[in-house]
Protein backbone atom coordinates (compact mmCIF):
# COMPACT_ATOMS: atom_id res chain seq x y z
CA SER A 1 0.60 14.46 -31.25
CA ASP A 2 -2.20 16.10 -33.24
CA ARG A 3 -1.53 19.39 -31.44
CA GLY A 4 2.14 19.29 -32.46
CA ASP A 5 3.39 19.56 -28.87
CA THR A 6 4.77 16.02 -28.64
CA ALA A 7 6.88 14.00 -31.05
CA LYS A 8 7.88 10.38 -30.51
CA LEU A 9 11.08 9.35 -32.28
CA LEU A 10 12.01 5.75 -33.02
CA ILE A 11 15.78 5.76 -33.39
CA GLU A 12 17.52 2.82 -35.00
CA LEU A 13 20.94 2.11 -33.53
CA GLN A 14 23.97 0.74 -35.39
CA ASP A 15 23.20 -2.80 -34.21
CA GLY A 16 19.67 -2.61 -35.60
CA HIS A 17 17.90 -2.26 -32.24
CA ARG A 18 15.52 0.65 -31.79
CA VAL A 19 14.87 2.99 -28.89
CA GLU A 20 12.13 5.52 -28.27
CA THR A 21 12.75 9.17 -27.53
CA VAL A 22 9.99 11.68 -26.84
CA VAL A 23 10.19 15.44 -27.43
CA MET A 24 7.66 17.55 -25.51
CA ILE A 25 7.28 21.16 -26.62
CA HIS A 26 6.01 23.64 -24.04
CA ALA A 27 5.52 27.38 -24.21
CA GLY A 28 9.03 28.74 -24.64
CA HIS A 29 11.00 25.53 -24.12
CA ALA A 30 11.23 21.83 -24.94
CA THR A 31 12.01 18.68 -22.98
CA VAL A 32 13.40 15.40 -24.29
CA CYS A 33 12.76 12.08 -22.58
CA VAL A 34 15.74 9.82 -23.38
CA SER A 35 16.24 6.07 -23.14
CA SER A 36 19.25 4.53 -21.42
CA GLN A 37 18.84 0.84 -22.24
CA ILE A 38 17.27 -1.50 -24.76
CA GLY A 39 14.75 -3.27 -22.56
CA CYS A 40 15.04 -3.37 -18.78
CA LYS A 41 15.75 -6.01 -16.15
CA MET A 42 13.65 -4.39 -13.40
CA GLY A 43 10.48 -6.21 -14.52
CA CYS A 44 7.97 -3.58 -13.40
CA ARG A 45 4.51 -5.01 -14.04
CA PHE A 46 3.08 -1.76 -15.44
CA CYS A 47 5.93 -1.05 -17.90
CA ALA A 48 6.03 -2.28 -21.51
CA THR A 49 9.83 -2.03 -21.57
CA GLY A 50 10.03 -4.15 -18.42
CA THR A 51 8.30 -7.02 -20.20
CA MET A 52 11.15 -7.13 -22.77
CA GLY A 53 13.82 -8.09 -20.28
CA ILE A 54 17.24 -6.52 -20.71
CA ILE A 55 18.73 -6.62 -24.19
CA GLY A 56 21.58 -4.19 -23.63
CA ASP A 57 22.90 -0.87 -22.37
CA LEU A 58 23.06 2.17 -24.61
CA SER A 59 26.50 3.65 -25.07
CA THR A 60 27.19 7.25 -24.10
CA SER A 61 27.06 8.27 -27.76
CA GLU A 62 23.73 6.46 -28.30
CA ILE A 63 22.23 8.39 -25.39
CA LEU A 64 23.60 11.68 -26.74
CA GLU A 65 22.37 10.85 -30.26
CA GLN A 66 18.82 11.10 -28.91
CA LEU A 67 19.51 14.66 -27.76
CA VAL A 68 20.95 15.55 -31.17
CA HIS A 69 17.83 14.24 -32.96
CA ALA A 70 15.57 16.02 -30.46
CA ASN A 71 17.40 19.32 -31.02
CA SER A 72 16.59 19.03 -34.73
CA ILE A 73 12.89 19.23 -33.79
CA ALA A 74 13.06 21.92 -31.10
CA LYS A 75 15.72 23.60 -28.99
CA ILE A 76 15.97 21.32 -25.95
CA ARG A 77 16.19 22.94 -22.53
CA ASN A 78 15.36 19.95 -20.30
CA VAL A 79 16.48 16.32 -20.39
CA VAL A 80 14.74 13.60 -18.42
CA PHE A 81 16.08 10.05 -18.25
CA MET A 82 12.63 8.49 -18.17
CA GLY A 83 12.57 6.55 -21.43
CA MET A 84 13.36 2.88 -22.00
CA GLY A 85 15.51 1.21 -19.34
CA GLU A 86 16.65 1.87 -15.79
CA PRO A 87 19.25 4.67 -16.05
CA LEU A 88 21.07 3.68 -12.87
CA ASN A 89 21.63 0.15 -14.20
CA ASN A 90 23.67 1.77 -16.99
CA TYR A 91 25.39 4.12 -14.59
CA GLU A 92 28.74 4.81 -16.29
CA ASN A 93 27.26 5.61 -19.71
CA VAL A 94 24.49 7.73 -18.21
CA LYS A 95 27.03 9.60 -16.08
CA ARG A 96 29.25 10.35 -19.09
CA ALA A 97 26.22 11.43 -21.16
CA VAL A 98 25.14 13.85 -18.41
CA GLU A 99 28.68 15.26 -18.20
CA PHE A 100 28.58 15.95 -21.96
CA MET A 101 25.09 17.47 -21.71
CA VAL A 102 26.12 20.02 -19.07
CA ASP A 103 29.55 20.76 -20.58
CA ASN A 104 29.57 24.39 -21.77
CA LYS A 105 31.70 23.44 -24.79
CA ARG A 106 29.27 20.72 -25.89
CA PHE A 107 25.51 20.87 -25.23
CA ALA A 108 25.69 23.54 -22.50
CA LEU A 109 22.51 22.49 -20.69
CA SER A 110 21.98 23.75 -17.18
CA PRO A 111 22.55 20.94 -14.64
CA ARG A 112 19.27 22.03 -13.04
CA GLN A 113 17.50 21.00 -16.24
CA VAL A 114 18.74 17.38 -16.24
CA THR A 115 16.79 14.75 -14.29
CA VAL A 116 17.76 11.11 -13.83
CA SER A 117 14.84 8.89 -12.82
CA THR A 118 15.06 5.52 -11.09
CA VAL A 119 12.77 2.87 -9.65
CA GLY A 120 15.34 2.45 -6.89
CA VAL A 121 18.90 1.25 -7.53
CA LEU A 122 20.11 2.28 -4.09
CA LYS A 123 23.87 1.88 -4.53
CA ASN A 124 23.86 3.96 -7.71
CA MET A 125 21.53 6.57 -6.23
CA GLN A 126 24.26 7.09 -3.64
CA ARG A 127 26.94 7.21 -6.34
CA LEU A 128 24.94 9.80 -8.29
CA THR A 129 24.79 11.99 -5.19
CA ALA A 130 28.56 11.70 -4.70
CA GLU A 131 29.53 12.13 -8.37
CA LEU A 132 26.76 14.24 -9.95
CA PRO A 133 25.10 16.11 -7.07
CA PHE A 134 24.15 18.99 -9.39
CA VAL A 135 21.58 17.02 -11.42
CA ASN A 136 18.06 16.21 -10.29
CA LEU A 137 17.13 12.73 -9.12
CA ALA A 138 13.58 11.43 -9.42
CA LEU A 139 12.39 8.31 -7.61
CA SER A 140 9.48 6.41 -9.19
CA LEU A 141 7.86 4.62 -6.26
CA HIS A 142 4.58 3.63 -7.98
CA ALA A 143 3.11 2.56 -4.64
CA PRO A 144 2.37 4.10 -1.22
CA ASN A 145 4.19 1.40 0.77
CA GLN A 146 6.70 -1.43 0.46
CA GLN A 147 4.10 -4.23 0.44
CA VAL A 148 2.24 -2.86 -2.59
CA ARG A 149 5.50 -1.91 -4.26
CA LEU A 150 6.79 -5.49 -4.04
CA LYS A 151 3.78 -6.65 -6.06
CA ILE A 152 4.37 -4.32 -8.99
CA VAL A 153 8.16 -3.69 -8.85
CA PRO A 154 9.89 -7.06 -8.34
CA ALA A 155 13.29 -5.37 -7.85
CA ALA A 156 11.88 -3.55 -4.81
CA SER A 157 12.85 -6.48 -2.60
CA SER A 158 16.50 -5.37 -2.67
CA SER A 159 15.80 -1.80 -1.50
CA PRO A 160 13.23 -1.00 1.18
CA ILE A 161 11.27 2.18 0.56
CA GLU A 162 12.70 3.79 3.72
CA GLN A 163 16.27 3.41 2.42
CA LEU A 164 15.30 4.83 -0.96
CA MET A 165 13.62 7.84 0.63
CA ALA A 166 16.69 8.45 2.81
CA ALA A 167 18.93 8.32 -0.29
CA LEU A 168 16.62 10.71 -2.13
CA ASP A 169 16.56 13.13 0.84
CA ASN A 170 20.37 13.01 0.92
CA HIS A 171 20.55 13.80 -2.81
CA ILE A 172 18.16 16.73 -2.44
CA LYS A 173 20.27 18.10 0.42
CA HIS A 174 23.49 17.85 -1.63
CA ASN A 175 21.76 19.22 -4.74
CA LEU A 176 20.56 22.30 -2.84
CA MET A 177 24.04 22.89 -1.37
CA VAL A 178 25.64 22.70 -4.82
CA HIS A 179 23.13 25.11 -6.33
CA CYS A 180 23.40 27.54 -3.41
CA HIS A 181 27.19 27.65 -3.86
CA GLN A 182 26.78 28.21 -7.60
CA ASP A 183 24.28 31.01 -6.96
CA ASP A 184 26.71 32.60 -4.46
CA ASP A 185 29.52 32.41 -7.03
CA LEU A 186 27.34 34.06 -9.69
CA SER A 187 26.12 36.83 -7.40
CA GLY A 188 29.47 37.52 -5.74
CA GLY A 189 28.20 36.07 -2.47
CA VAL A 190 25.19 38.38 -2.30
CA ARG A 191 21.79 36.70 -2.29
CA SER A 192 18.78 38.50 -3.67
CA GLY A 193 16.90 40.16 -0.86
CA SER A 194 19.95 40.33 1.42
CA ARG A 195 21.40 43.64 2.54
C-alpha cells in the first residue's frame, strides 16, 4: 500500500501457477495471510478465487514458502489462512504446515497466533479440533441465516449453519482448555490473581 503497511506478494510456484500472499504490518508486529490452494471449489459468489474453480492444492512446502517470503519483508508474528482456497479442503497439507509453523525448532510461532479460516467444511472442522486444538479457527458465514447463505455460498447446502456453529463452539471450548493447561504449566499451576 502507499502507507507501506501492506504488501501483496505474487508467488510463482514450480509448476508455473501463482498464488497471492499478503503481509500486513502493524505497530510492533506483522501478519501474513497465506493461500492454501490454487483456486477453490466452494464457489462463493463474492470471491474472485471461487470463480476460478479448483486448480490444485498447495503442498506443505508451498504453504511454508509464503511464510519464508513474508519474513523477508517483516518479522511475522501471526499467520492467517485466509488467502486463496479453502484451507480445510487441503487439510493434510495445511495441518503439516501449521505443525511446522509452531515447531520451536522451525518457525517457532505461538499456536495462539495461527488462525485457520473456513467457509464451513464440517468434517474437517471437527478433525482440526481433535488434531490441532491449539490453533484458532475462524468461520466465515457471510450471511445471518442459512437461507441467505445458500444463495451466496453454494457449498452451504452440505452443512447447516447450526452444525457449523456447534463445531465452532466445540473448537473454542477445546482451544481454551489447551491454552489454560499450557498457562498452568508455564506458571507452575498458579494463575495470576490467585492466592
